[in-house]
């Protein structure tokens, strides 16, 4: 009887020992599973956060680039409007300047001498609008005297221009366009550069476009 009881107690003790081992192993397994799940969750959250941050950064850069493009477009439009405004003002200044008969006639003679100086050949034709032709007719003898080595002919048919002179070679194949419009076309890039310089703090002073 004692042997049977001892055997039962030994079996129960072994069973309890095994149960404790299994319980401890299950607890460790549970802790490992929870820890791995927590780590996977943390890594997943990091990846999602990284993706969200990357998407946010890309969206921000896209917005910044769009804003920069819009700003550049507005600046280009502003520059163009400034150029057109300055060109309009230059036309107004030119018209006002032409009201000063003596000063404008002297300026006109300067344009003519400059154009003739750039031409070869003795016989040259001078083209102007009707008003400037009348001005030159008044001083034509003075003009011819100042250029004795050239035979200048004042064209009777007026040309379409605000002012200035167009000088042609005898065969009309070579020309120097010192009209207002011709000088504007040649100086347009310089004019635009001057406007941009005026927009910058360290802009350099420049001279008069049409009297230099």
Protein backbone atom coordinates (compact mmCIF):
# COMPACT_ATOMS: atom_id res chain seq x y z
CA UNK A 1 0.00 0.00 0.00
CA UNK A 2 2.81 2.40 0.84
CA UNK A 3 4.53 1.56 -2.41
CA UNK A 4 1.41 2.34 -4.41
CA UNK A 5 0.99 5.67 -2.64
CA UNK A 6 4.60 6.57 -3.19
CA UNK A 7 4.28 5.69 -6.87
CA UNK A 8 1.19 7.87 -7.22
CA UNK A 9 2.93 10.76 -5.50
CA UNK A 10 6.00 10.31 -7.71
CA UNK A 11 3.76 10.31 -10.82
CA UNK A 12 1.92 13.41 -9.58
CA UNK A 13 5.19 15.15 -8.76
CA UNK A 14 6.55 14.34 -12.22
CA UNK A 15 3.34 15.54 -13.83
CA UNK A 16 3.51 18.76 -11.86
CA UNK A 17 7.14 19.20 -12.85
CA UNK A 18 6.30 18.67 -16.52
CA UNK A 19 3.34 21.01 -16.20
CA UNK A 20 5.57 23.69 -14.70
CA UNK A 21 8.13 23.19 -17.47
CA UNK A 22 5.46 23.42 -20.17
CA UNK A 23 3.96 26.46 -18.48
CA UNK A 24 7.37 28.15 -18.29
CA UNK A 25 8.14 27.21 -21.91
CA UNK A 26 4.75 28.50 -23.03
CA UNK A 27 5.36 31.74 -21.17
CA UNK A 28 8.73 32.15 -22.84
CA UNK A 29 7.20 31.35 -26.21
CA UNK A 30 4.41 33.83 -25.55
CA UNK A 31 6.92 36.50 -24.55
CA UNK A 32 8.99 35.76 -27.68
CA UNK A 33 5.93 35.95 -29.93
CA UNK A 34 4.80 39.18 -28.32
CA UNK A 35 8.28 40.65 -28.57
CA UNK A 36 8.64 39.67 -32.23
CA UNK A 37 5.16 40.96 -32.98
CA UNK A 38 5.99 44.20 -31.23
CA UNK A 39 9.24 44.49 -33.20
CA UNK A 40 7.44 43.76 -36.48
CA UNK A 41 4.83 46.35 -35.56
CA UNK A 42 7.54 48.89 -34.72
CA UNK A 43 9.36 48.22 -38.01
CA UNK A 44 6.09 48.47 -39.91
CA UNK A 45 5.29 51.78 -38.21
CA UNK A 46 8.78 53.03 -39.06
CA UNK A 47 8.34 52.01 -42.69
CA UNK A 48 4.92 53.62 -42.87
CA UNK A 49 6.26 56.75 -41.18
CA UNK A 50 9.22 56.80 -43.59
CA UNK A 51 6.90 56.36 -46.58
CA UNK A 52 4.56 59.05 -45.26
CA UNK A 53 7.53 61.39 -44.67
CA UNK A 54 8.86 60.69 -48.18
CA UNK A 55 5.44 61.34 -49.69
CA UNK A 56 5.11 64.49 -47.61
CA UNK A 57 8.56 65.69 -48.68
CA UNK A 58 7.79 64.96 -52.33
CA UNK A 59 4.47 66.77 -52.09
CA UNK A 60 6.22 69.72 -50.41
CA UNK A 61 8.92 69.83 -53.09
CA UNK A 62 6.27 69.69 -55.80
CA UNK A 63 4.45 72.60 -54.20
CA UNK A 64 7.70 74.55 -53.85
CA UNK A 65 8.63 73.85 -57.48
CA UNK A 66 5.16 74.87 -58.63
CA UNK A 67 5.42 78.07 -56.59
CA UNK A 68 8.89 78.77 -58.04
CA UNK A 69 7.63 78.21 -61.60
CA UNK A 70 4.68 80.50 -60.97
CA UNK A 71 6.97 83.14 -59.45
CA UNK A 72 9.37 82.86 -62.40
CA UNK A 73 6.46 83.21 -64.80
CA UNK A 74 5.26 86.30 -62.95
CA UNK A 75 8.78 87.76 -62.99
CA UNK A 76 9.11 87.12 -66.73
CA UNK A 77 5.75 88.75 -67.30
CA UNK A 78 6.76 91.70 -65.14
CA UNK A 79 10.06 92.10 -67.03
CA UNK A 80 8.25 92.03 -70.36
CA UNK A 81 5.70 94.59 -69.16
CA UNK A 82 8.52 96.80 -67.90
CA UNK A 83 10.29 96.62 -71.25
CA UNK A 84 7.09 97.51 -73.10
CA UNK A 85 6.41 100.35 -70.67
CA UNK A 86 9.94 101.74 -71.07
CA UNK A 87 9.68 101.48 -74.85
CA UNK A 88 6.42 103.43 -74.71
CA UNK A 89 8.00 106.05 -72.49
CA UNK A 90 10.98 106.31 -74.82
CA UNK A 91 8.63 107.06 -77.70
CA UNK A 92 6.98 109.76 -75.61
CA UNK A 93 10.39 111.20 -74.66
CA UNK A 94 11.43 111.14 -78.32
CA UNK A 95 8.29 112.98 -79.37
CA UNK A 96 8.88 115.59 -76.67
CA UNK A 97 12.53 115.92 -77.72
CA UNK A 98 11.49 116.49 -81.34
CA UNK A 99 9.59 119.60 -80.22
CA UNK A 100 12.92 121.28 -79.49
CA UNK A 101 13.75 122.22 -83.06
CA UNK A 102 17.39 123.22 -82.59
CA UNK A 103 18.35 120.35 -80.28
CA UNK A 104 16.62 117.74 -82.41
CA UNK A 105 18.10 119.06 -85.66
CA UNK A 106 21.58 118.84 -84.12
CA UNK A 107 20.78 115.31 -82.97
CA UNK A 108 19.52 114.43 -86.46
CA UNK A 109 22.76 115.69 -88.00
CA UNK A 110 24.71 113.58 -85.54
CA UNK A 111 22.76 110.47 -86.59
CA UNK A 112 23.44 111.28 -90.24
CA UNK A 113 27.18 111.79 -89.75
CA UNK A 114 27.40 108.59 -87.73
CA UNK A 115 25.60 106.60 -90.44
CA UNK A 116 27.69 108.09 -93.27
CA UNK A 117 30.85 107.30 -91.33
CA UNK A 118 29.91 103.62 -91.37
CA UNK A 119 29.30 103.53 -95.13
CA UNK A 120 31.70 103.10 -98.06
CA UNK A 121 31.28 104.71 -101.45
CA UNK A 122 30.94 108.32 -102.45
CA UNK A 123 27.26 108.43 -103.47
CA UNK A 124 24.78 107.85 -100.63
CA UNK A 125 21.04 108.32 -100.34
CA UNK A 126 19.52 109.75 -97.15
CA UNK A 127 15.93 108.68 -96.33
CA UNK A 128 13.79 110.30 -93.62
CA UNK A 129 10.19 111.01 -92.79
CA UNK A 130 8.58 114.17 -94.19
CA UNK A 131 9.23 116.33 -91.11
CA UNK A 132 12.89 115.40 -90.82
CA UNK A 133 13.35 115.96 -94.54
CA UNK A 134 12.20 119.55 -94.11
CA UNK A 135 14.63 119.99 -91.24
CA UNK A 136 17.53 118.62 -93.26
CA UNK A 137 16.65 120.72 -96.29
CA UNK A 138 17.17 123.84 -94.17
CA UNK A 139 20.73 122.82 -93.29
CA UNK A 140 21.57 120.71 -96.36
CA UNK A 141 24.37 122.96 -97.54
CA UNK A 142 25.89 122.70 -94.06
CA UNK A 143 25.61 118.91 -94.25
CA UNK A 144 27.32 118.72 -97.65
CA UNK A 145 30.04 121.08 -96.51
CA UNK A 146 30.77 118.90 -93.47
CA UNK A 147 31.10 115.82 -95.71
CA UNK A 148 32.98 117.08 -98.78
CA UNK A 149 34.17 113.62 -99.86
CA UNK A 150 30.63 112.25 -100.10
CA UNK A 151 27.85 112.92 -102.57
CA UNK A 152 24.67 112.87 -100.53
CA UNK A 153 21.22 112.73 -102.06
CA UNK A 154 18.17 113.52 -99.97
CA UNK A 155 15.40 111.09 -100.93
CA UNK A 156 12.15 112.86 -101.88
CA UNK A 157 9.87 109.93 -100.95
CA UNK A 158 9.43 109.88 -97.14
CA UNK A 159 9.74 106.66 -95.16
CA UNK A 160 7.59 105.44 -92.28
CA UNK A 161 9.51 106.26 -89.10
CA UNK A 162 9.12 108.36 -85.99
CA UNK A 163 12.44 110.05 -86.65
CA UNK A 164 16.06 109.60 -87.63
CA UNK A 165 17.77 108.73 -90.88
CA UNK A 166 18.22 105.70 -93.12
CA UNK A 167 21.34 105.89 -95.30
CA UNK A 168 21.59 103.70 -98.42
CA UNK A 169 24.45 102.91 -100.77
CA UNK A 170 24.15 103.84 -104.45
CA UNK A 171 22.85 100.36 -105.34
CA UNK A 172 20.63 100.36 -102.21
CA UNK A 173 22.07 97.01 -101.14
CA UNK A 174 23.93 98.38 -98.10
CA UNK A 175 22.16 100.41 -95.43
CA UNK A 176 22.70 101.94 -92.02
CA UNK A 177 19.42 102.30 -90.17
CA UNK A 178 19.67 105.19 -87.70
CA UNK A 179 15.92 105.67 -87.43
CA UNK A 180 14.27 105.53 -84.01
CA UNK A 181 12.87 102.08 -84.79
CA UNK A 182 16.19 100.80 -86.14
CA UNK A 183 18.11 101.92 -83.08
CA UNK A 184 15.43 100.47 -80.81
CA UNK A 185 15.79 97.09 -82.54
CA UNK A 186 19.58 97.14 -82.15
CA UNK A 187 19.49 98.31 -78.54
CA UNK A 188 16.59 96.16 -77.31
CA UNK A 189 18.82 93.64 -75.50
CA UNK A 190 20.82 96.44 -73.90
CA UNK A 191 17.58 98.12 -72.90
CA UNK A 192 16.31 94.94 -71.26
CA UNK A 193 19.64 94.53 -69.44
CA UNK A 194 19.40 98.10 -68.15
CA UNK A 195 15.91 97.43 -66.77
CA UNK A 196 17.13 94.30 -64.98
CA UNK A 197 20.06 96.25 -63.55
CA UNK A 198 17.62 98.81 -62.19
CA UNK A 199 15.81 95.98 -60.38
CA UNK A 200 19.02 94.88 -58.63
CA UNK A 201 20.50 96.69 -55.61
CA UNK A 202 23.97 96.87 -57.18
CA UNK A 203 22.82 98.09 -60.56
CA UNK A 204 25.27 100.15 -62.53
CA UNK A 205 24.43 103.56 -63.94
CA UNK A 206 24.16 103.69 -67.74
CA UNK A 207 23.93 106.48 -70.26
CA UNK A 208 21.23 107.69 -72.61
CA UNK A 209 20.44 105.10 -75.26
CA UNK A 210 19.75 107.49 -78.08
CA UNK A 211 22.19 110.33 -77.53
CA UNK A 212 25.30 108.25 -76.79
